[in-house]
Amino acid sequence: MPPSIDVVIVAYGRYELTEHCLRHLREQTIDHRVILVDNGSTDDSRARVRAEWPEVQLECFEDNRGFAEACNHGVAAGSGEIVVLLN
C-alpha cells in the first residue's frame, strides 16, 4: 500500500493564487489530502474555499501567525506519512 500524503498549503488572501494551486492539485494522479491553513486572511478567501473546495480540510487563524506556525498547525492537523508543504 502506498504511503498517505498530506499537502499543506498556507494562504493569506489572494484567493486567485490559492485557487490556481488547488486546481493543479486536483489534477494529480497520486492520492493525497489537502490541508489549507488560512493565516488570518481579511478577504473572502475562507468562504470561497469552503464553498468551492469542500474536499479541502480548512484550518483557520484569526490573525496572521507567520509561515512557520501555520505550517506546523497544518502538519499537526493531518496524519499523512508524507507531508508536502506549499507556499
PDB file of N, CA and C in Angstrom:
ATOM      1  N   MET A   1       0.847  -1.181   0.000  1.00  0.00           N
ATOM      2  CA  MET A   1       0.000   0.000   0.000  1.00  0.00           C
ATOM      3  C   MET A   1       0.888   1.239   0.000  1.00  0.00           C
ATOM      4  N   PRO A   2       0.593   2.213  -0.879  1.00  0.00           N
ATOM      5  CA  PRO A   2       1.418   3.435  -0.914  1.00  0.00           C
ATOM      6  C   PRO A   2       1.228   4.264   0.358  1.00  0.00           C
ATOM      7  N   PRO A   3       2.226   5.073   0.695  1.00  0.00           N
ATOM      8  CA  PRO A   3       2.111   5.909   1.892  1.00  0.00           C
ATOM      9  C   PRO A   3       1.041   6.990   1.709  1.00  0.00           C
ATOM     10  N   SER A   4       0.440   7.419   2.815  1.00  0.00           N
ATOM     11  CA  SER A   4      -0.539   8.511   2.759  1.00  0.00           C
ATOM     12  C   SER A   4       0.201   9.839   2.651  1.00  0.00           C
ATOM     13  N   ILE A   5      -0.394  10.770   1.910  1.00  0.00           N
ATOM     14  CA  ILE A   5       0.245  12.058   1.640  1.00  0.00           C
ATOM     15  C   ILE A   5      -0.691  13.190   2.046  1.00  0.00           C
ATOM     16  N   ASP A   6      -0.168  14.114   2.842  1.00  0.00           N
ATOM     17  CA  ASP A   6      -0.863  15.357   3.160  1.00  0.00           C
ATOM     18  C   ASP A   6      -0.140  16.494   2.447  1.00  0.00           C
ATOM     19  N   VAL A   7      -0.892  17.330   1.767  1.00  0.00           N
ATOM     20  CA  VAL A   7      -0.348  18.539   1.150  1.00  0.00           C
ATOM     21  C   VAL A   7      -0.859  19.719   1.967  1.00  0.00           C
ATOM     22  N   VAL A   8       0.053  20.434   2.602  1.00  0.00           N
ATOM     23  CA  VAL A   8      -0.301  21.563   3.453  1.00  0.00           C
ATOM     24  C   VAL A   8       0.005  22.853   2.689  1.00  0.00           C
ATOM     25  N   ILE A   9      -1.030  23.685   2.567  1.00  0.00           N
ATOM     26  CA  ILE A   9      -0.897  24.971   1.888  1.00  0.00           C
ATOM     27  C   ILE A   9      -1.169  26.069   2.908  1.00  0.00           C
ATOM     28  N   VAL A  10      -0.285  27.031   2.987  1.00  0.00           N
ATOM     29  CA  VAL A  10      -0.505  28.204   3.827  1.00  0.00           C
ATOM     30  C   VAL A  10      -0.926  29.337   2.904  1.00  0.00           C
ATOM     31  N   ALA A  11      -2.057  29.966   3.239  1.00  0.00           N
ATOM     32  CA  ALA A  11      -2.589  31.033   2.392  1.00  0.00           C
ATOM     33  C   ALA A  11      -2.899  32.264   3.226  1.00  0.00           C
ATOM     34  N   TYR A  12      -2.694  33.413   2.610  1.00  0.00           N
ATOM     35  CA  TYR A  12      -3.058  34.683   3.232  1.00  0.00           C
ATOM     36  C   TYR A  12      -3.607  35.582   2.142  1.00  0.00           C
ATOM     37  N   GLY A  13      -4.939  35.626   2.038  1.00  0.00           N
ATOM     38  CA  GLY A  13      -5.554  36.437   0.991  1.00  0.00           C
ATOM     39  C   GLY A  13      -5.219  35.900  -0.388  1.00  0.00           C
ATOM     40  N   ARG A  14      -5.343  36.724  -1.380  1.00  0.00           N
ATOM     41  CA  ARG A  14      -5.006  36.400  -2.770  1.00  0.00           C
ATOM     42  C   ARG A  14      -5.609  35.069  -3.208  1.00  0.00           C
ATOM     43  N   TYR A  15      -6.909  34.976  -3.101  1.00  0.00           N
ATOM     44  CA  TYR A  15      -7.612  33.739  -3.409  1.00  0.00           C
ATOM     45  C   TYR A  15      -7.253  33.180  -4.780  1.00  0.00           C
ATOM     46  N   GLU A  16      -7.009  34.044  -5.744  1.00  0.00           N
ATOM     47  CA  GLU A  16      -6.716  33.563  -7.102  1.00  0.00           C
ATOM     48  C   GLU A  16      -5.489  32.650  -7.119  1.00  0.00           C
ATOM     49  N   LEU A  17      -4.502  32.912  -6.286  1.00  0.00           N
ATOM     50  CA  LEU A  17      -3.324  32.037  -6.208  1.00  0.00           C
ATOM     51  C   LEU A  17      -3.673  30.708  -5.555  1.00  0.00           C
ATOM     52  N   THR A  18      -4.477  30.768  -4.502  1.00  0.00           N
ATOM     53  CA  THR A  18      -4.908  29.549  -3.822  1.00  0.00           C
ATOM     54  C   THR A  18      -5.714  28.673  -4.767  1.00  0.00           C
ATOM     55  N   GLU A  19      -6.652  29.281  -5.477  1.00  0.00           N
ATOM     56  CA  GLU A  19      -7.479  28.532  -6.415  1.00  0.00           C
ATOM     57  C   GLU A  19      -6.630  27.879  -7.506  1.00  0.00           C
ATOM     58  N   HIS A  20      -5.671  28.598  -8.012  1.00  0.00           N
ATOM     59  CA  HIS A  20      -4.773  28.070  -9.048  1.00  0.00           C
ATOM     60  C   HIS A  20      -4.042  26.827  -8.519  1.00  0.00           C
ATOM     61  N   CYS A  21      -3.535  26.924  -7.323  1.00  0.00           N
ATOM     62  CA  CYS A  21      -2.828  25.808  -6.701  1.00  0.00           C
ATOM     63  C   CYS A  21      -3.772  24.614  -6.504  1.00  0.00           C
ATOM     64  N   LEU A  22      -4.965  24.867  -5.993  1.00  0.00           N
ATOM     65  CA  LEU A  22      -5.922  23.785  -5.744  1.00  0.00           C
ATOM     66  C   LEU A  22      -6.342  23.103  -7.040  1.00  0.00           C
ATOM     67  N   ARG A  23      -6.500  23.867  -8.106  1.00  0.00           N
ATOM     68  CA  ARG A  23      -6.847  23.261  -9.395  1.00  0.00           C
ATOM     69  C   ARG A  23      -5.760  22.303  -9.864  1.00  0.00           C
ATOM     70  N   HIS A  24      -4.514  22.696  -9.710  1.00  0.00           N
ATOM     71  CA  HIS A  24      -3.405  21.818 -10.117  1.00  0.00           C
ATOM     72  C   HIS A  24      -3.325  20.583  -9.234  1.00  0.00           C
ATOM     73  N   LEU A  25      -3.560  20.738  -7.960  1.00  0.00           N
ATOM     74  CA  LEU A  25      -3.545  19.581  -7.072  1.00  0.00           C
ATOM     75  C   LEU A  25      -4.668  18.608  -7.405  1.00  0.00           C
ATOM     76  N   ARG A  26      -5.811  19.127  -7.794  1.00  0.00           N
ATOM     77  CA  ARG A  26      -6.950  18.266  -8.150  1.00  0.00           C
ATOM     78  C   ARG A  26      -6.606  17.373  -9.344  1.00  0.00           C
ATOM     79  N   GLU A  27      -5.730  17.838 -10.207  1.00  0.00           N
ATOM     80  CA  GLU A  27      -5.359  17.080 -11.403  1.00  0.00           C
ATOM     81  C   GLU A  27      -4.308  16.000 -11.143  1.00  0.00           C
ATOM     82  N   GLN A  28      -3.743  15.971  -9.971  1.00  0.00           N
ATOM     83  CA  GLN A  28      -2.694  14.986  -9.668  1.00  0.00           C
ATOM     84  C   GLN A  28      -3.281  13.579  -9.632  1.00  0.00           C
ATOM     85  N   THR A  29      -2.489  12.613 -10.014  1.00  0.00           N
ATOM     86  CA  THR A  29      -2.960  11.229 -10.081  1.00  0.00           C
ATOM     87  C   THR A  29      -2.605  10.422  -8.837  1.00  0.00           C
ATOM     88  N   ILE A  30      -1.767  10.958  -7.980  1.00  0.00           N
ATOM     89  CA  ILE A  30      -1.413  10.274  -6.747  1.00  0.00           C
ATOM     90  C   ILE A  30      -2.367  10.746  -5.652  1.00  0.00           C
ATOM     91  N   ASP A  31      -2.935   9.795  -4.926  1.00  0.00           N
ATOM     92  CA  ASP A  31      -3.896  10.110  -3.869  1.00  0.00           C
ATOM     93  C   ASP A  31      -3.253  10.982  -2.789  1.00  0.00           C
ATOM     94  N   HIS A  32      -3.959  12.002  -2.353  1.00  0.00           N
ATOM     95  CA  HIS A  32      -3.453  12.904  -1.322  1.00  0.00           C
ATOM     96  C   HIS A  32      -4.616  13.642  -0.663  1.00  0.00           C
ATOM     97  N   ARG A  33      -4.337  14.199   0.504  1.00  0.00           N
ATOM     98  CA  ARG A  33      -5.305  15.052   1.204  1.00  0.00           C
ATOM     99  C   ARG A  33      -4.724  16.458   1.226  1.00  0.00           C
ATOM    100  N   VAL A  34      -5.576  17.458   1.012  1.00  0.00           N
ATOM    101  CA  VAL A  34      -5.137  18.853   1.043  1.00  0.00           C
ATOM    102  C   VAL A  34      -5.621  19.486   2.344  1.00  0.00           C
ATOM    103  N   ILE A  35      -4.679  20.093   3.062  1.00  0.00           N
ATOM    104  CA  ILE A  35      -4.969  20.848   4.270  1.00  0.00           C
ATOM    105  C   ILE A  35      -4.550  22.288   3.988  1.00  0.00           C
ATOM    106  N   LEU A  36      -5.521  23.190   3.977  1.00  0.00           N
ATOM    107  CA  LEU A  36      -5.230  24.585   3.709  1.00  0.00           C
ATOM    108  C   LEU A  36      -5.327  25.361   5.023  1.00  0.00           C
ATOM    109  N   VAL A  37      -4.266  26.047   5.377  1.00  0.00           N
ATOM    110  CA  VAL A  37      -4.248  26.876   6.575  1.00  0.00           C
ATOM    111  C   VAL A  37      -4.406  28.321   6.142  1.00  0.00           C
ATOM    112  N   ASP A  38      -5.565  28.895   6.485  1.00  0.00           N
ATOM    113  CA  ASP A  38      -5.780  30.309   6.200  1.00  0.00           C
ATOM    114  C   ASP A  38      -5.152  31.088   7.346  1.00  0.00           C
ATOM    115  N   ASN A  39      -4.154  31.870   7.013  1.00  0.00           N
ATOM    116  CA  ASN A  39      -3.322  32.543   8.008  1.00  0.00           C
ATOM    117  C   ASN A  39      -3.814  33.963   8.307  1.00  0.00           C
ATOM    118  N   GLY A  40      -5.129  34.064   8.618  1.00  0.00           N
ATOM    119  CA  GLY A  40      -5.682  35.362   9.002  1.00  0.00           C
ATOM    120  C   GLY A  40      -6.131  36.231   7.844  1.00  0.00           C
ATOM    121  N   SER A  41      -6.528  35.639   6.734  1.00  0.00           N
ATOM    122  CA  SER A  41      -6.973  36.435   5.583  1.00  0.00           C
ATOM    123  C   SER A  41      -8.111  37.366   5.975  1.00  0.00           C
ATOM    124  N   THR A  42      -8.105  38.545   5.376  1.00  0.00           N
ATOM    125  CA  THR A  42      -9.152  39.526   5.658  1.00  0.00           C
ATOM    126  C   THR A  42     -10.110  39.694   4.476  1.00  0.00           C
ATOM    127  N   ASP A  43      -9.898  38.933   3.422  1.00  0.00           N
ATOM    128  CA  ASP A  43     -10.807  38.979   2.277  1.00  0.00           C
ATOM    129  C   ASP A  43     -11.797  37.812   2.373  1.00  0.00           C
ATOM    130  N   ASP A  44     -12.385  37.411   1.267  1.00  0.00           N
ATOM    131  CA  ASP A  44     -13.384  36.342   1.277  1.00  0.00           C
ATOM    132  C   ASP A  44     -12.789  34.964   0.975  1.00  0.00           C
ATOM    133  N   SER A  45     -11.492  34.811   1.133  1.00  0.00           N
ATOM    134  CA  SER A  45     -10.826  33.553   0.799  1.00  0.00           C
ATOM    135  C   SER A  45     -11.419  32.344   1.527  1.00  0.00           C
ATOM    136  N   ARG A  46     -11.626  32.475   2.828  1.00  0.00           N
ATOM    137  CA  ARG A  46     -12.161  31.343   3.606  1.00  0.00           C
ATOM    138  C   ARG A  46     -13.514  30.889   3.081  1.00  0.00           C
ATOM    139  N   ALA A  47     -14.410  31.828   2.895  1.00  0.00           N
ATOM    140  CA  ALA A  47     -15.753  31.497   2.423  1.00  0.00           C
ATOM    141  C   ALA A  47     -15.695  30.842   1.046  1.00  0.00           C
ATOM    142  N   ARG A  48     -14.833  31.320   0.203  1.00  0.00           N
ATOM    143  CA  ARG A  48     -14.722  30.761  -1.145  1.00  0.00           C
ATOM    144  C   ARG A  48     -14.145  29.358  -1.120  1.00  0.00           C
ATOM    145  N   VAL A  49     -13.153  29.127  -0.270  1.00  0.00           N
ATOM    146  CA  VAL A  49     -12.600  27.767  -0.155  1.00  0.00           C
ATOM    147  C   VAL A  49     -13.687  26.822   0.352  1.00  0.00           C
ATOM    148  N   ARG A  50     -14.408  27.228   1.381  1.00  0.00           N
ATOM    149  CA  ARG A  50     -15.487  26.377   1.926  1.00  0.00           C
ATOM    150  C   ARG A  50     -16.529  26.057   0.857  1.00  0.00           C
ATOM    151  N   ALA A  51     -16.912  27.051   0.071  1.00  0.00           N
ATOM    152  CA  ALA A  51     -17.963  26.874  -0.924  1.00  0.00           C
ATOM    153  C   ALA A  51     -17.500  26.113  -2.161  1.00  0.00           C
ATOM    154  N   GLU A  52     -16.284  26.394  -2.613  1.00  0.00           N
ATOM    155  CA  GLU A  52     -15.829  25.858  -3.896  1.00  0.00           C
ATOM    156  C   GLU A  52     -14.954  24.614  -3.778  1.00  0.00           C
ATOM    157  N   TRP A  53     -14.417  24.351  -2.598  1.00  0.00           N
ATOM    158  CA  TRP A  53     -13.492  23.232  -2.410  1.00  0.00           C
ATOM    159  C   TRP A  53     -13.855  22.444  -1.150  1.00  0.00           C
ATOM    160  N   PRO A  54     -15.021  21.824  -1.118  1.00  0.00           N
ATOM    161  CA  PRO A  54     -15.459  21.131   0.100  1.00  0.00           C
ATOM    162  C   PRO A  54     -14.564  19.958   0.500  1.00  0.00           C
ATOM    163  N   GLU A  55     -13.802  19.435  -0.428  1.00  0.00           N
ATOM    164  CA  GLU A  55     -12.907  18.312  -0.117  1.00  0.00           C
ATOM    165  C   GLU A  55     -11.633  18.753   0.607  1.00  0.00           C
ATOM    166  N   VAL A  56     -11.379  20.050   0.646  1.00  0.00           N
ATOM    167  CA  VAL A  56     -10.177  20.583   1.293  1.00  0.00           C
ATOM    168  C   VAL A  56     -10.433  20.758   2.783  1.00  0.00           C
ATOM    169  N   GLN A  57      -9.516  20.267   3.586  1.00  0.00           N
ATOM    170  CA  GLN A  57      -9.590  20.480   5.040  1.00  0.00           C
ATOM    171  C   GLN A  57      -9.092  21.887   5.324  1.00  0.00           C
ATOM    172  N   LEU A  58      -9.975  22.736   5.820  1.00  0.00           N
ATOM    173  CA  LEU A  58      -9.633  24.142   6.049  1.00  0.00           C
ATOM    174  C   LEU A  58      -9.387  24.381   7.527  1.00  0.00           C
ATOM    175  N   GLU A  59      -8.202  24.898   7.830  1.00  0.00           N
ATOM    176  CA  GLU A  59      -7.814  25.290   9.186  1.00  0.00           C
ATOM    177  C   GLU A  59      -7.626  26.802   9.155  1.00  0.00           C
ATOM    178  N   CYS A  60      -8.074  27.508  10.182  1.00  0.00           N
ATOM    179  CA  CYS A  60      -8.048  28.966  10.139  1.00  0.00           C
ATOM    180  C   CYS A  60      -7.442  29.581  11.389  1.00  0.00           C
ATOM    181  N   PHE A  61      -6.665  30.633  11.178  1.00  0.00           N
ATOM    182  CA  PHE A  61      -6.206  31.514  12.248  1.00  0.00           C
ATOM    183  C   PHE A  61      -6.953  32.832  12.077  1.00  0.00           C
ATOM    184  N   GLU A  62      -7.306  33.456  13.169  1.00  0.00           N
ATOM    185  CA  GLU A  62      -7.977  34.761  13.098  1.00  0.00           C
ATOM    186  C   GLU A  62      -6.999  35.878  12.746  1.00  0.00           C
ATOM    187  N   ASP A  63      -5.720  35.687  13.079  1.00  0.00           N
ATOM    188  CA  ASP A  63      -4.694  36.673  12.739  1.00  0.00           C
ATOM    189  C   ASP A  63      -3.505  35.943  12.132  1.00  0.00           C
ATOM    190  N   ASN A  64      -2.665  36.679  11.428  1.00  0.00           N
ATOM    191  CA  ASN A  64      -1.511  36.089  10.769  1.00  0.00           C
ATOM    192  C   ASN A  64      -0.474  35.700  11.817  1.00  0.00           C
ATOM    193  N   ARG A  65      -0.171  34.402  11.863  1.00  0.00           N
ATOM    194  CA  ARG A  65       0.763  33.875  12.860  1.00  0.00           C
ATOM    195  C   ARG A  65       2.144  33.593  12.280  1.00  0.00           C
ATOM    196  N   GLY A  66       2.313  33.895  11.014  1.00  0.00           N
ATOM    197  CA  GLY A  66       3.587  33.627  10.361  1.00  0.00           C
ATOM    198  C   GLY A  66       3.589  32.266   9.685  1.00  0.00           C
ATOM    199  N   PHE A  67       4.467  32.132   8.720  1.00  0.00           N
ATOM    200  CA  PHE A  67       4.518  30.927   7.894  1.00  0.00           C
ATOM    201  C   PHE A  67       4.854  29.684   8.705  1.00  0.00           C
ATOM    202  N   ALA A  68       5.843  29.761   9.566  1.00  0.00           N
ATOM    203  CA  ALA A  68       6.276  28.570  10.307  1.00  0.00           C
ATOM    204  C   ALA A  68       5.168  28.027  11.202  1.00  0.00           C
ATOM    205  N   GLU A  69       4.502  28.897  11.947  1.00  0.00           N
ATOM    206  CA  GLU A  69       3.434  28.427  12.834  1.00  0.00           C
ATOM    207  C   GLU A  69       2.273  27.847  12.032  1.00  0.00           C
ATOM    208  N   ALA A  70       1.946  28.478  10.911  1.00  0.00           N
ATOM    209  CA  ALA A  70       0.871  27.970  10.062  1.00  0.00           C
ATOM    210  C   ALA A  70       1.232  26.600   9.487  1.00  0.00           C
ATOM    211  N   CYS A  71       2.468  26.420   9.057  1.00  0.00           N
ATOM    212  CA  CYS A  71       2.916  25.109   8.562  1.00  0.00           C
ATOM    213  C   CYS A  71       2.802  24.055   9.655  1.00  0.00           C
ATOM    214  N   ASN A  72       3.302  24.383  10.833  1.00  0.00           N
ATOM    215  CA  ASN A  72       3.246  23.433  11.941  1.00  0.00           C
ATOM    216  C   ASN A  72       1.810  23.053  12.274  1.00  0.00           C
ATOM    217  N   HIS A  73       0.906  24.021  12.237  1.00  0.00           N
ATOM    218  CA  HIS A  73      -0.502  23.750  12.509  1.00  0.00           C
ATOM    219  C   HIS A  73      -1.078  22.803  11.449  1.00  0.00           C
ATOM    220  N   GLY A  74      -0.760  23.064  10.192  1.00  0.00           N
ATOM    221  CA  GLY A  74      -1.248  22.214   9.108  1.00  0.00           C
ATOM    222  C   GLY A  74      -0.740  20.796   9.207  1.00  0.00           C
ATOM    223  N   VAL A  75       0.527  20.646   9.528  1.00  0.00           N
ATOM    224  CA  VAL A  75       1.103  19.310   9.677  1.00  0.00           C
ATOM    225  C   VAL A  75       0.429  18.585  10.838  1.00  0.00           C
ATOM    226  N   ALA A  76       0.239  19.276  11.954  1.00  0.00           N
ATOM    227  CA  ALA A  76      -0.388  18.658  13.135  1.00  0.00           C
ATOM    228  C   ALA A  76      -1.849  18.279  12.867  1.00  0.00           C
ATOM    229  N   ALA A  77      -2.519  18.980  11.953  1.00  0.00           N
ATOM    230  CA  ALA A  77      -3.917  18.692  11.644  1.00  0.00           C
ATOM    231  C   ALA A  77      -4.065  17.458  10.778  1.00  0.00           C
ATOM    232  N   GLY A  78      -2.978  17.006  10.180  1.00  0.00           N
ATOM    233  CA  GLY A  78      -3.038  15.858   9.301  1.00  0.00           C
ATOM    234  C   GLY A  78      -2.509  14.599   9.952  1.00  0.00           C
ATOM    235  N   SER A  79      -2.436  13.564   9.143  1.00  0.00           N
ATOM    236  CA  SER A  79      -1.924  12.281   9.627  1.00  0.00           C
ATOM    237  C   SER A  79      -1.112  11.563   8.548  1.00  0.00           C
ATOM    238  N   GLY A  80      -0.723  12.286   7.516  1.00  0.00           N
ATOM    239  CA  GLY A  80      -0.008  11.668   6.411  1.00  0.00           C
ATOM    240  C   GLY A  80       1.372  11.166   6.791  1.00  0.00           C
ATOM    241  N   GLU A  81       1.762  10.088   6.160  1.00  0.00           N
ATOM    242  CA  GLU A  81       3.108   9.564   6.348  1.00  0.00           C
ATOM    243  C   GLU A  81       4.129  10.458   5.641  1.00  0.00           C
ATOM    244  N   ILE A  82       3.668  11.116   4.580  1.00  0.00           N
ATOM    245  CA  ILE A  82       4.485  12.087   3.845  1.00  0.00           C
ATOM    246  C   ILE A  82       3.747  13.411   3.882  1.00  0.00           C
ATOM    247  N   VAL A  83       4.474  14.491   4.129  1.00  0.00           N
ATOM    248  CA  VAL A  83       3.884  15.825   4.152  1.00  0.00           C
ATOM    249  C   VAL A  83       4.591  16.686   3.115  1.00  0.00           C
ATOM    250  N   VAL A  84       3.817  17.353   2.287  1.00  0.00           N
ATOM    251  CA  VAL A  84       4.329  18.284   1.295  1.00  0.00           C
ATOM    252  C   VAL A  84       3.855  19.673   1.715  1.00  0.00           C
ATOM    253  N   LEU A  85       4.784  20.602   1.892  1.00  0.00           N
ATOM    254  CA  LEU A  85       4.449  21.984   2.257  1.00  0.00           C
ATOM    255  C   LEU A  85       4.497  22.857   1.012  1.00  0.00           C
ATOM    256  N   LEU A  86       3.411  23.583   0.760  1.00  0.00           N
ATOM    257  CA  LEU A  86       3.371  24.515  -0.373  1.00  0.00           C
ATOM    258  C   LEU A  86       3.168  25.912   0.156  1.00  0.00           C
ATOM    259  N   ASN A  87       3.882  26.857  -0.446  1.00  0.00           N
ATOM    260  CA  ASN A  87       3.749  28.251  -0.058  1.00  0.00           C
ATOM    261  C   ASN A  87       3.360  29.042  -1.292  1.00  0.00           C
TER     262      ASN A  87
END
